[in-house]
Amino acid sequence: MKFEPKIIKHLSGELFSAGLDISFSNEKYPNQTRIEKILEITKNKSVIHVGCADHLPLIETKIKNNKWLHRLLIENTTQCIGVDNNEEAVNFINNKLNIRDVYCFDITSDNVSILDNSHWDYMILGEIIEHIDNPVAFLTKIKEKYTGKVDKILITAPNVFNILTIKDIKSNIENINTDHRYWFSPFTLTKVMIRSGFNNCDLTFADRVKLPLFQAVARRLKIFFGITSYFYANCFSNLIIVADFE
């Protein structure tokens, strides 16, 4: 999904509104997980996977369940380099799992020849941006450092614009990962990308939430009759945005 030109003018700061209404009722999306969509986008591409370790205690369980993204990327791409700032996790991946091309360094400041001397199709930052104190400053450093070396950036983040979050709000409840600094909406995540210098932002949605009863029944009927179901943006818990470095 790409925003229409009028919305892009608000995203860029050319126009301002204190109460802009953005409708997402014109498009529906397939029922894909975040991992499925990332693998679809990056198939047969060269990839830098930032934050590749995930949570160290969960790695082996996720591998058994075929849900550890980094291993799936290795199998899906032509070349995949892993980067993480957790030295213990990187050592575990290198030594216990015997997976190479995983490194511990700061993606925004350290100079690493294997990255600097190659050209890459994608840099992936999955479930990271909501943990960063200043996402625009962080992404701006990445943009400045890797322009000309990487073609596109792919970022995933929790989608505040979903029916379960709205249900919690109506019940006067906030359900939150306590390490998160931000909730992102389609507009605010795109705004952060543009403010960081990225271009040609393309947004989609993944990880369908539990549906209300009437929608769940309708979906089961479609499955019974062999009809593929598509869902509105507010039915998904994750945002996926792809943008150009140049």
Protein backbone atom coordinates (compact mmCIF):
# COMPACT_ATOMS: atom_id res chain seq x y z
CA MET A 1 0.00 0.00 0.00
CA LYS A 2 1.25 3.43 -0.94
CA PHE A 3 -0.36 6.58 0.38
CA GLU A 4 -2.07 8.84 -2.15
CA PRO A 5 -0.32 12.10 -3.13
CA LYS A 6 -2.37 14.28 -0.75
CA ILE A 7 -1.37 12.12 2.24
CA ILE A 8 2.26 12.10 1.10
CA LYS A 9 2.25 15.91 1.28
CA HIS A 10 1.23 15.60 4.95
CA LEU A 11 3.88 12.94 5.52
CA SER A 12 6.58 15.15 4.05
CA GLY A 13 5.44 18.22 6.02
CA GLU A 14 4.37 20.14 2.93
CA LEU A 15 0.83 20.17 4.33
CA PHE A 16 -0.36 20.16 7.94
CA SER A 17 -3.58 19.04 9.59
CA ALA A 18 -4.39 18.76 13.28
CA GLY A 19 -7.04 16.13 12.51
CA LEU A 20 -6.31 14.28 9.28
CA ASP A 21 -8.65 11.35 8.56
CA ILE A 22 -7.09 8.47 6.62
CA SER A 23 -9.34 5.67 5.40
CA PHE A 24 -8.04 2.13 5.04
CA SER A 25 -11.36 0.69 3.88
CA ASN A 26 -10.45 0.46 0.19
CA GLU A 27 -7.89 -2.33 0.43
CA LYS A 28 -7.78 -5.82 1.90
CA TYR A 29 -4.75 -8.01 2.56
CA PRO A 30 -4.04 -11.76 2.57
CA ASN A 31 -3.73 -13.70 5.80
CA GLN A 32 0.07 -13.88 6.06
CA THR A 33 2.38 -13.95 9.03
CA ARG A 34 5.19 -11.46 9.39
CA ILE A 35 7.74 -14.18 8.64
CA GLU A 36 5.88 -15.38 5.54
CA LYS A 37 5.75 -11.86 4.13
CA ILE A 38 9.42 -11.15 4.84
CA LEU A 39 10.44 -14.40 3.15
CA GLU A 40 8.23 -13.59 0.16
CA ILE A 41 9.82 -10.16 -0.26
CA THR A 42 13.43 -11.29 0.21
CA LYS A 43 13.39 -14.56 -1.73
CA ASN A 44 16.63 -15.00 -3.70
CA LYS A 45 17.91 -11.62 -2.51
CA SER A 46 21.02 -10.61 -0.55
CA VAL A 47 20.16 -9.52 2.98
CA ILE A 48 21.64 -7.88 6.07
CA HIS A 49 19.54 -9.07 9.02
CA VAL A 50 19.82 -6.61 11.92
CA GLY A 51 18.80 -7.98 15.32
CA CYS A 52 19.13 -11.49 13.97
CA ALA A 53 19.53 -13.28 17.31
CA ASP A 54 16.06 -12.61 18.67
CA HIS A 55 15.83 -13.60 22.36
CA LEU A 56 18.62 -16.04 23.24
CA PRO A 57 16.49 -18.36 25.46
CA LEU A 58 13.96 -18.75 22.62
CA ILE A 59 16.27 -19.52 19.69
CA GLU A 60 16.31 -23.32 19.92
CA THR A 61 12.57 -23.53 20.52
CA LYS A 62 11.90 -21.30 17.52
CA ILE A 63 14.22 -23.44 15.38
CA LYS A 64 12.28 -26.57 16.37
CA ASN A 65 9.03 -24.82 15.47
CA ASN A 66 10.49 -23.51 12.21
CA LYS A 67 9.94 -19.92 13.38
CA TRP A 68 13.45 -18.58 13.86
CA LEU A 69 13.63 -15.91 11.19
CA HIS A 70 17.39 -15.86 10.70
CA ARG A 71 17.66 -19.54 9.78
CA LEU A 72 14.69 -19.19 7.44
CA LEU A 73 16.36 -16.20 5.78
CA ILE A 74 19.57 -18.19 5.29
CA GLU A 75 17.54 -20.86 3.50
CA ASN A 76 15.50 -18.34 1.48
CA THR A 77 18.10 -15.80 0.31
CA THR A 78 21.22 -15.89 -1.87
CA GLN A 79 23.31 -14.32 0.90
CA CYS A 80 22.41 -13.44 4.49
CA ILE A 81 24.58 -11.68 7.04
CA GLY A 82 23.36 -11.51 10.65
CA VAL A 83 24.07 -8.56 12.94
CA ASP A 84 23.24 -8.28 16.63
CA ASN A 85 24.55 -6.32 19.62
CA ASN A 86 24.07 -9.27 22.01
CA GLU A 87 27.54 -10.83 22.17
CA GLU A 88 26.38 -13.86 24.15
CA ALA A 89 23.68 -14.63 21.59
CA VAL A 90 26.08 -14.19 18.66
CA ASN A 91 28.59 -16.57 20.29
CA PHE A 92 25.81 -19.10 20.85
CA ILE A 93 24.75 -18.90 17.20
CA ASN A 94 28.33 -19.22 15.94
CA ASN A 95 29.56 -21.90 18.32
CA LYS A 96 26.54 -23.94 19.46
CA LEU A 97 24.45 -23.74 16.28
CA ASN A 98 27.49 -23.60 13.98
CA ILE A 99 25.93 -20.79 11.93
CA ARG A 100 28.49 -18.45 10.38
CA ASP A 101 28.23 -14.92 9.02
CA VAL A 102 26.69 -13.66 12.27
CA TYR A 103 28.50 -10.73 13.88
CA CYS A 104 28.32 -8.59 16.99
CA PHE A 105 28.68 -4.87 16.29
CA ASP A 106 26.84 -1.55 16.18
CA ILE A 107 25.15 -1.26 12.79
CA THR A 108 25.10 2.56 13.02
CA SER A 109 28.76 3.21 13.79
CA ASP A 110 31.12 0.24 13.39
CA ASN A 111 32.92 -0.28 10.08
CA VAL A 112 32.75 -3.89 8.94
CA SER A 113 34.44 -4.85 5.68
CA ILE A 114 32.02 -7.65 4.81
CA LEU A 115 29.19 -5.11 4.73
CA ASP A 116 31.10 -2.13 3.38
CA ASN A 117 32.72 -4.00 0.51
CA SER A 118 29.54 -5.64 -0.84
CA HIS A 119 26.22 -4.50 -2.26
CA TRP A 120 23.00 -5.70 -0.67
CA ASP A 121 19.39 -5.88 -1.79
CA TYR A 122 17.75 -5.52 1.65
CA MET A 123 18.49 -4.55 5.21
CA ILE A 124 15.91 -6.06 7.59
CA LEU A 125 15.05 -4.60 10.99
CA GLY A 126 12.35 -6.81 12.44
CA GLU A 127 10.64 -5.81 15.69
CA ILE A 128 13.43 -3.37 16.56
CA ILE A 129 12.26 0.18 15.91
CA GLU A 130 9.74 0.24 18.77
CA HIS A 131 12.61 -0.50 21.21
CA ILE A 132 14.76 2.44 20.05
CA ASP A 133 14.76 5.66 22.09
CA ASN A 134 15.06 7.93 19.05
CA PRO A 135 13.99 6.05 15.90
CA VAL A 136 14.50 8.97 13.49
CA ALA A 137 18.07 9.56 14.67
CA PHE A 138 18.79 5.81 14.56
CA LEU A 139 17.39 5.36 11.04
CA THR A 140 19.05 8.53 9.78
CA LYS A 141 22.45 7.12 10.80
CA ILE A 142 21.66 3.89 8.92
CA LYS A 143 20.52 5.86 5.87
CA GLU A 144 23.71 7.95 5.83
CA LYS A 145 26.02 4.98 6.41
CA TYR A 146 24.53 2.48 3.95
CA THR A 147 23.23 4.57 1.05
CA GLY A 148 24.92 3.18 -2.06
CA LYS A 149 25.59 -0.14 -0.30
CA VAL A 150 21.99 -1.30 0.31
CA ASP A 151 19.02 -0.83 -2.03
CA LYS A 152 16.05 -1.19 0.35
CA ILE A 153 15.23 -1.29 4.03
CA LEU A 154 12.48 -3.51 5.46
CA ILE A 155 11.11 -2.70 8.90
CA THR A 156 8.40 -4.40 10.93
CA ALA A 157 6.65 -2.90 13.96
CA PRO A 158 3.50 -3.50 16.03
CA ASN A 159 0.37 -2.01 14.49
CA VAL A 160 -1.63 0.07 16.99
CA PHE A 161 -4.39 0.31 14.38
CA ASN A 162 -5.91 -3.11 15.08
CA ILE A 163 -9.19 -4.28 16.53
CA LEU A 164 -7.71 -5.99 19.62
CA THR A 165 -5.87 -2.85 20.70
CA ILE A 166 -9.01 -0.83 20.07
CA LYS A 167 -10.95 -3.33 22.20
CA ASP A 168 -8.43 -2.86 25.04
CA ILE A 169 -8.73 0.91 24.77
CA LYS A 170 -12.50 0.68 24.98
CA SER A 171 -12.04 -1.38 28.16
CA ASN A 172 -9.63 1.24 29.57
CA ILE A 173 -6.72 -1.22 29.34
CA GLU A 174 -3.23 -0.90 27.88
CA ASN A 175 -1.61 -4.21 26.97
CA ILE A 176 2.06 -3.49 26.29
CA ASN A 177 5.52 -5.00 25.96
CA THR A 178 7.28 -3.09 28.72
CA ASP A 179 10.44 -2.55 26.66
CA HIS A 180 8.51 -0.71 23.92
CA ARG A 181 8.92 3.06 23.60
CA TYR A 182 6.32 3.57 20.88
CA TRP A 183 3.15 2.35 19.23
CA PHE A 184 3.16 2.86 15.45
CA SER A 185 0.29 3.39 13.06
CA PRO A 186 0.54 3.18 9.26
CA PHE A 187 0.92 6.98 9.09
CA THR A 188 3.40 7.44 11.94
CA LEU A 189 5.73 4.61 10.82
CA THR A 190 5.77 6.04 7.29
CA LYS A 191 6.38 9.51 8.73
CA VAL A 192 9.41 8.22 10.65
CA MET A 193 10.80 6.64 7.48
CA ILE A 194 10.41 9.83 5.47
CA ARG A 195 11.86 11.99 8.23
CA SER A 196 14.87 9.64 8.26
CA GLY A 197 15.47 10.23 4.55
CA PHE A 198 14.03 7.06 3.02
CA ASN A 199 11.92 7.18 -0.14
CA ASN A 200 9.17 5.30 -1.97
CA CYS A 201 7.63 3.75 1.15
CA ASP A 202 5.42 0.70 0.55
CA LEU A 203 3.36 -0.55 3.50
CA THR A 204 1.56 -3.81 4.18
CA PHE A 205 0.08 -5.69 7.14
CA ALA A 206 0.73 -9.13 8.68
CA ASP A 207 -0.22 -11.43 11.56
CA ARG A 208 -3.99 -11.44 11.67
CA VAL A 209 -5.47 -10.97 15.14
CA LYS A 210 -8.30 -13.04 16.60
CA LEU A 211 -11.45 -12.04 14.79
CA PRO A 212 -14.80 -11.14 16.34
CA LEU A 213 -17.25 -14.04 16.27
CA PHE A 214 -19.22 -12.96 13.21
CA GLN A 215 -16.04 -12.41 11.18
CA ALA A 216 -14.58 -15.72 12.33
CA VAL A 217 -17.73 -17.57 11.25
CA ALA A 218 -17.69 -15.82 7.87
CA ARG A 219 -14.05 -16.82 7.39
CA ARG A 220 -14.78 -20.47 8.20
CA LEU A 221 -17.59 -20.48 5.65
CA LYS A 222 -15.24 -19.10 3.01
CA ILE A 223 -12.70 -21.81 3.84
CA PHE A 224 -15.43 -24.44 3.54
CA PHE A 225 -16.36 -23.17 0.06
CA GLY A 226 -12.73 -22.76 -1.03
CA ILE A 227 -12.80 -18.97 -1.06
CA THR A 228 -9.61 -17.09 -0.14
CA SER A 229 -10.16 -14.59 2.65
CA TYR A 230 -8.74 -11.08 2.63
CA PHE A 231 -8.85 -8.71 5.59
CA TYR A 232 -8.81 -5.00 6.33
CA ALA A 233 -5.76 -3.28 7.83
CA ASN A 234 -7.29 -3.21 11.32
CA CYS A 235 -7.27 -7.03 11.43
CA PHE A 236 -3.47 -7.27 11.63
CA SER A 237 -1.09 -6.81 14.55
CA ASN A 238 2.05 -5.99 12.55
CA LEU A 239 3.14 -3.36 10.05
CA ILE A 240 5.73 -4.12 7.37
CA ILE A 241 7.25 -1.22 5.48
CA VAL A 242 9.76 -1.34 2.63
CA ALA A 243 11.56 1.82 1.50
CA ASP A 244 14.39 2.83 -0.82
CA PHE A 245 17.72 4.13 0.45
CA GLU A 246 17.92 6.39 -2.60
